[in-house]
Amino acid sequence: MGYVGAKLASIQYKMEIHDEFREEYDYRKRYHKVEEVRTVDRSRGAR
């Protein structure tokens, strides 16, 4: 199974897109958890 230049470039491009998506997804996932904790803490303090 050999890869020609065009196929290899296509695979590399798809991996770059995936890596960027994964980086953004992980960031949003971490940020969302921090926001949930802040929201819960604020509601407990308001009571």
N, C-alpha and C. Protein backbone atom coordinates (compact mmCIF):
# COMPACT_ATOMS: atom_id res chain seq x y z
N MET A 1 0.86 -1.18 0.00
CA MET A 1 0.00 0.00 0.00
C MET A 1 0.90 1.23 0.00
N GLY A 2 1.06 1.83 -1.13
CA GLY A 2 1.90 3.00 -1.24
C GLY A 2 1.08 4.28 -1.26
N TYR A 3 1.66 5.30 -0.75
CA TYR A 3 1.01 6.59 -0.75
C TYR A 3 1.69 7.50 -1.76
N VAL A 4 0.91 8.15 -2.58
CA VAL A 4 1.45 9.14 -3.50
C VAL A 4 1.42 10.49 -2.79
N GLY A 5 2.12 11.45 -3.33
CA GLY A 5 2.24 12.76 -2.69
C GLY A 5 0.91 13.41 -2.37
N ALA A 6 -0.05 13.32 -3.30
CA ALA A 6 -1.35 13.96 -3.08
C ALA A 6 -2.11 13.29 -1.94
N LYS A 7 -2.06 11.97 -1.89
CA LYS A 7 -2.76 11.24 -0.84
C LYS A 7 -2.14 11.54 0.52
N LEU A 8 -0.82 11.57 0.57
CA LEU A 8 -0.12 11.86 1.81
C LEU A 8 -0.44 13.28 2.28
N ALA A 9 -0.48 14.23 1.38
CA ALA A 9 -0.81 15.61 1.73
C ALA A 9 -2.24 15.70 2.27
N SER A 10 -3.15 14.93 1.67
CA SER A 10 -4.53 14.91 2.13
C SER A 10 -4.63 14.35 3.54
N ILE A 11 -3.90 13.30 3.81
CA ILE A 11 -3.91 12.70 5.15
C ILE A 11 -3.32 13.67 6.17
N GLN A 12 -2.24 14.32 5.82
CA GLN A 12 -1.62 15.29 6.73
C GLN A 12 -2.58 16.44 7.02
N TYR A 13 -3.27 16.91 6.00
CA TYR A 13 -4.23 18.00 6.18
C TYR A 13 -5.36 17.57 7.12
N LYS A 14 -5.88 16.38 6.91
CA LYS A 14 -6.95 15.88 7.77
C LYS A 14 -6.48 15.74 9.21
N MET A 15 -5.26 15.31 9.42
CA MET A 15 -4.72 15.18 10.77
C MET A 15 -4.54 16.55 11.42
N GLU A 16 -4.12 17.54 10.65
CA GLU A 16 -4.00 18.90 11.19
C GLU A 16 -5.36 19.42 11.64
N ILE A 17 -6.37 19.20 10.82
CA ILE A 17 -7.73 19.63 11.18
C ILE A 17 -8.18 18.92 12.44
N HIS A 18 -7.93 17.62 12.52
CA HIS A 18 -8.32 16.85 13.70
C HIS A 18 -7.58 17.35 14.94
N ASP A 19 -6.29 17.62 14.82
CA ASP A 19 -5.52 18.10 15.95
C ASP A 19 -6.03 19.45 16.46
N GLU A 20 -6.36 20.34 15.52
CA GLU A 20 -6.90 21.64 15.91
C GLU A 20 -8.25 21.48 16.59
N PHE A 21 -9.09 20.60 16.04
CA PHE A 21 -10.39 20.35 16.65
C PHE A 21 -10.22 19.79 18.06
N ARG A 22 -9.33 18.83 18.20
CA ARG A 22 -9.14 18.19 19.50
C ARG A 22 -8.62 19.18 20.54
N GLU A 23 -7.72 20.05 20.13
CA GLU A 23 -7.18 21.07 21.03
C GLU A 23 -8.30 22.01 21.50
N GLU A 24 -9.13 22.47 20.57
CA GLU A 24 -10.24 23.35 20.91
C GLU A 24 -11.26 22.62 21.78
N TYR A 25 -11.56 21.37 21.46
CA TYR A 25 -12.51 20.58 22.24
C TYR A 25 -12.04 20.39 23.68
N ASP A 26 -10.77 20.04 23.84
CA ASP A 26 -10.22 19.84 25.18
C ASP A 26 -10.25 21.13 25.99
N TYR A 27 -9.92 22.25 25.34
CA TYR A 27 -9.95 23.54 26.03
C TYR A 27 -11.36 23.87 26.49
N ARG A 28 -12.34 23.72 25.61
CA ARG A 28 -13.72 24.03 25.97
C ARG A 28 -14.23 23.11 27.07
N LYS A 29 -13.82 21.86 27.02
CA LYS A 29 -14.24 20.88 28.03
C LYS A 29 -13.71 21.30 29.40
N ARG A 30 -12.42 21.67 29.46
CA ARG A 30 -11.84 22.12 30.73
C ARG A 30 -12.48 23.41 31.20
N TYR A 31 -12.68 24.38 30.30
CA TYR A 31 -13.25 25.67 30.65
C TYR A 31 -14.68 25.49 31.15
N HIS A 32 -15.45 24.63 30.52
CA HIS A 32 -16.84 24.40 30.92
C HIS A 32 -16.91 23.84 32.33
N LYS A 33 -16.01 22.92 32.67
CA LYS A 33 -16.01 22.37 34.03
C LYS A 33 -15.69 23.45 35.05
N VAL A 34 -14.76 24.34 34.73
CA VAL A 34 -14.43 25.43 35.65
C VAL A 34 -15.63 26.33 35.83
N GLU A 35 -16.35 26.64 34.76
CA GLU A 35 -17.53 27.48 34.85
C GLU A 35 -18.63 26.82 35.67
N GLU A 36 -18.81 25.50 35.54
CA GLU A 36 -19.81 24.79 36.33
C GLU A 36 -19.49 24.91 37.81
N VAL A 37 -18.23 24.76 38.17
CA VAL A 37 -17.83 24.85 39.57
C VAL A 37 -18.08 26.26 40.08
N ARG A 38 -17.74 27.27 39.32
CA ARG A 38 -17.97 28.66 39.72
C ARG A 38 -19.46 28.92 39.90
N THR A 39 -20.29 28.41 39.01
CA THR A 39 -21.72 28.63 39.09
C THR A 39 -22.29 27.97 40.35
N VAL A 40 -21.87 26.77 40.64
CA VAL A 40 -22.35 26.07 41.83
C VAL A 40 -21.90 26.81 43.08
N ASP A 41 -20.65 27.24 43.12
CA ASP A 41 -20.14 27.95 44.29
C ASP A 41 -20.89 29.26 44.52
N ARG A 42 -21.20 29.97 43.48
CA ARG A 42 -21.92 31.23 43.61
C ARG A 42 -23.33 31.00 44.12
N SER A 43 -23.99 29.97 43.64
CA SER A 43 -25.37 29.73 44.07
C SER A 43 -25.40 29.28 45.53
N ARG A 44 -24.40 28.55 45.96
CA ARG A 44 -24.36 28.14 47.38
C ARG A 44 -24.09 29.34 48.28
N GLY A 45 -23.24 30.25 47.82
CA GLY A 45 -22.92 31.44 48.61
C GLY A 45 -24.08 32.41 48.70
N ALA A 46 -24.97 32.40 47.74
CA ALA A 46 -26.08 33.34 47.70
C ALA A 46 -27.20 32.93 48.66
N ARG A 47 -27.22 31.71 49.07
CA ARG A 47 -28.31 31.23 49.96
C ARG A 47 -28.15 31.69 51.36
